[in-house]
């Protein structure tokens, strides 16, 4: 037996008071913060664990120089070339070299 078509439409509407709106706003803020923290914490944790694993393998297998030491020495050579390559004779350090210097200070200084 076929259903008959509806003769009227009933709309149900839920209205929230100020207190419920404040609670939902707090929940939305907390969820946003959680998403951001997870997005930042995961790559940091993976990078940290990779670094610790590399250092543990380096110590156990008695590898040669550390990867950071090699990059630092090549960075020093690049910085010297950049300083002496100025056409005016005045030493100039490019912004990339300065950015590299900041990164190496970050990873090589002890807390």
C-alpha atoms as a PDB file:
ATOM      1  CA  UNK A   1       0.000   0.000   0.000  1.00  0.00           C
ATOM      2  CA  UNK A   2       1.593   3.314  -1.044  1.00  0.00           C
ATOM      3  CA  UNK A   3       2.164   6.115   1.429  1.00  0.00           C
ATOM      4  CA  UNK A   4       0.170   9.275   1.073  1.00  0.00           C
ATOM      5  CA  UNK A   5       1.968  12.566   0.552  1.00  0.00           C
ATOM      6  CA  UNK A   6       2.317  14.808   3.603  1.00  0.00           C
ATOM      7  CA  UNK A   7      -0.257  17.554   3.940  1.00  0.00           C
ATOM      8  CA  UNK A   8       1.755  19.750   6.261  1.00  0.00           C
ATOM      9  CA  UNK A   9       5.390  20.369   7.200  1.00  0.00           C
ATOM     10  CA  UNK A  10       6.355  20.661  10.839  1.00  0.00           C
ATOM     11  CA  UNK A  11       9.634  22.429  11.637  1.00  0.00           C
ATOM     12  CA  UNK A  12      11.393  21.754  14.931  1.00  0.00           C
ATOM     13  CA  UNK A  13      13.833  24.401  16.091  1.00  0.00           C
ATOM     14  CA  UNK A  14      16.235  24.175  19.011  1.00  0.00           C
ATOM     15  CA  UNK A  15      17.246  27.454  20.561  1.00  0.00           C
ATOM     16  CA  UNK A  16      20.140  27.794  22.943  1.00  0.00           C
ATOM     17  CA  UNK A  17      20.341  30.155  25.848  1.00  0.00           C
ATOM     18  CA  UNK A  18      23.407  32.265  26.606  1.00  0.00           C
ATOM     19  CA  UNK A  19      24.866  29.671  28.979  1.00  0.00           C
ATOM     20  CA  UNK A  20      24.642  26.857  26.429  1.00  0.00           C
ATOM     21  CA  UNK A  21      26.192  29.081  23.745  1.00  0.00           C
ATOM     22  CA  UNK A  22      29.111  29.873  26.040  1.00  0.00           C
ATOM     23  CA  UNK A  23      29.624  26.178  26.749  1.00  0.00           C
ATOM     24  CA  UNK A  24      29.641  25.305  23.041  1.00  0.00           C
ATOM     25  CA  UNK A  25      32.023  28.169  22.294  1.00  0.00           C
ATOM     26  CA  UNK A  26      34.434  26.840  24.940  1.00  0.00           C
ATOM     27  CA  UNK A  27      34.190  23.363  23.444  1.00  0.00           C
ATOM     28  CA  UNK A  28      34.907  24.683  19.956  1.00  0.00           C
ATOM     29  CA  UNK A  29      37.951  26.597  21.229  1.00  0.00           C
ATOM     30  CA  UNK A  30      39.252  23.512  23.019  1.00  0.00           C
ATOM     31  CA  UNK A  31      38.845  21.364  19.897  1.00  0.00           C
ATOM     32  CA  UNK A  32      40.670  23.955  17.777  1.00  0.00           C
ATOM     33  CA  UNK A  33      43.544  24.111  20.272  1.00  0.00           C
ATOM     34  CA  UNK A  34      43.714  20.313  20.394  1.00  0.00           C
ATOM     35  CA  UNK A  35      43.944  20.086  16.611  1.00  0.00           C
ATOM     36  CA  UNK A  36      46.720  22.684  16.453  1.00  0.00           C
ATOM     37  CA  UNK A  37      48.731  21.052  19.259  1.00  0.00           C
ATOM     38  CA  UNK A  38      48.456  17.630  17.633  1.00  0.00           C
ATOM     39  CA  UNK A  39      49.569  19.076  14.301  1.00  0.00           C
ATOM     40  CA  UNK A  40      52.672  20.608  15.891  1.00  0.00           C
ATOM     41  CA  UNK A  41      53.504  17.914  18.444  1.00  0.00           C
ATOM     42  CA  UNK A  42      53.516  14.989  16.024  1.00  0.00           C
ATOM     43  CA  UNK A  43      56.263  16.298  13.698  1.00  0.00           C
ATOM     44  CA  UNK A  44      58.313  17.453  16.695  1.00  0.00           C
ATOM     45  CA  UNK A  45      58.016  14.036  18.326  1.00  0.00           C
ATOM     46  CA  UNK A  46      58.937  12.232  15.111  1.00  0.00           C
ATOM     47  CA  UNK A  47      61.916  14.533  14.525  1.00  0.00           C
ATOM     48  CA  UNK A  48      63.094  14.152  18.106  1.00  0.00           C
ATOM     49  CA  UNK A  49      62.837  10.374  18.008  1.00  0.00           C
ATOM     50  CA  UNK A  50      64.716  10.260  14.699  1.00  0.00           C
ATOM     51  CA  UNK A  51      67.461  12.424  16.177  1.00  0.00           C
ATOM     52  CA  UNK A  52      67.705  10.256  19.293  1.00  0.00           C
ATOM     53  CA  UNK A  53      67.801   7.100  17.174  1.00  0.00           C
ATOM     54  CA  UNK A  54      70.526   8.566  14.992  1.00  0.00           C
ATOM     55  CA  UNK A  55      72.609   9.572  18.006  1.00  0.00           C
ATOM     56  CA  UNK A  56      72.139   6.138  19.613  1.00  0.00           C
ATOM     57  CA  UNK A  57      73.214   4.360  16.417  1.00  0.00           C
ATOM     58  CA  UNK A  58      76.146   6.722  16.005  1.00  0.00           C
ATOM     59  CA  UNK A  59      77.308   6.003  19.549  1.00  0.00           C
ATOM     60  CA  UNK A  60      76.812   2.231  19.312  1.00  0.00           C
ATOM     61  CA  UNK A  61      78.332   1.764  15.845  1.00  0.00           C
ATOM     62  CA  UNK A  62      81.146   4.278  16.410  1.00  0.00           C
ATOM     63  CA  UNK A  63      80.431   6.211  13.254  1.00  0.00           C
ATOM     64  CA  UNK A  64      82.773   8.987  12.228  1.00  0.00           C
ATOM     65  CA  UNK A  65      81.799  12.603  12.485  1.00  0.00           C
ATOM     66  CA  UNK A  66      78.346  13.676  13.417  1.00  0.00           C
ATOM     67  CA  UNK A  67      76.010  14.851  10.655  1.00  0.00           C
ATOM     68  CA  UNK A  68      75.562  18.219  12.359  1.00  0.00           C
ATOM     69  CA  UNK A  69      79.355  18.646  12.580  1.00  0.00           C
ATOM     70  CA  UNK A  70      79.665  18.018   8.852  1.00  0.00           C
ATOM     71  CA  UNK A  71      76.942  20.542   8.052  1.00  0.00           C
ATOM     72  CA  UNK A  72      78.541  23.095  10.392  1.00  0.00           C
ATOM     73  CA  UNK A  73      81.907  22.766   8.670  1.00  0.00           C
ATOM     74  CA  UNK A  74      80.348  23.116   5.217  1.00  0.00           C
ATOM     75  CA  UNK A  75      78.316  26.064   6.500  1.00  0.00           C
ATOM     76  CA  UNK A  76      81.542  27.744   7.624  1.00  0.00           C
ATOM     77  CA  UNK A  77      83.059  27.280   4.169  1.00  0.00           C
ATOM     78  CA  UNK A  78      79.954  28.712   2.483  1.00  0.00           C
ATOM     79  CA  UNK A  79      79.918  31.676   4.870  1.00  0.00           C
ATOM     80  CA  UNK A  80      83.560  32.447   4.095  1.00  0.00           C
ATOM     81  CA  UNK A  81      82.960  32.240   0.331  1.00  0.00           C
ATOM     82  CA  UNK A  82      79.943  34.510   0.641  1.00  0.00           C
ATOM     83  CA  UNK A  83      81.870  37.067   2.685  1.00  0.00           C
ATOM     84  CA  UNK A  84      84.756  37.212   0.223  1.00  0.00           C
ATOM     85  CA  UNK A  85      82.548  37.235  -2.888  1.00  0.00           C
ATOM     86  CA  UNK A  86      81.364  40.818  -2.413  1.00  0.00           C
ATOM     87  CA  UNK A  87      82.169  42.944  -5.495  1.00  0.00           C
ATOM     88  CA  UNK A  88      82.797  46.034  -3.344  1.00  0.00           C
ATOM     89  CA  UNK A  89      85.300  44.277  -1.125  1.00  0.00           C
ATOM     90  CA  UNK A  90      83.086  44.853   1.910  1.00  0.00           C
ATOM     91  CA  UNK A  91      82.220  41.536   3.579  1.00  0.00           C
ATOM     92  CA  UNK A  92      78.568  40.734   3.037  1.00  0.00           C
ATOM     93  CA  UNK A  93      76.653  37.871   4.588  1.00  0.00           C
ATOM     94  CA  UNK A  94      73.506  36.870   2.728  1.00  0.00           C
ATOM     95  CA  UNK A  95      70.211  36.396   4.589  1.00  0.00           C
ATOM     96  CA  UNK A  96      70.411  32.647   3.916  1.00  0.00           C
ATOM     97  CA  UNK A  97      73.726  32.434   5.739  1.00  0.00           C
ATOM     98  CA  UNK A  98      72.288  34.396   8.662  1.00  0.00           C
ATOM     99  CA  UNK A  99      69.254  32.070   8.761  1.00  0.00           C
ATOM    100  CA  UNK A 100      71.590  29.069   8.741  1.00  0.00           C
ATOM    101  CA  UNK A 101      73.562  30.599  11.566  1.00  0.00           C
ATOM    102  CA  UNK A 102      70.404  30.945  13.658  1.00  0.00           C
ATOM    103  CA  UNK A 103      69.431  27.334  12.980  1.00  0.00           C
ATOM    104  CA  UNK A 104      72.873  26.055  14.001  1.00  0.00           C
ATOM    105  CA  UNK A 105      72.826  28.123  17.172  1.00  0.00           C
ATOM    106  CA  UNK A 106      69.463  26.605  17.981  1.00  0.00           C
ATOM    107  CA  UNK A 107      70.688  23.014  17.564  1.00  0.00           C
ATOM    108  CA  UNK A 108      74.197  23.364  18.925  1.00  0.00           C
ATOM    109  CA  UNK A 109      73.696  25.376  22.094  1.00  0.00           C
ATOM    110  CA  UNK A 110      73.086  23.473  25.280  1.00  0.00           C
ATOM    111  CA  UNK A 111      70.080  24.466  27.410  1.00  0.00           C
END
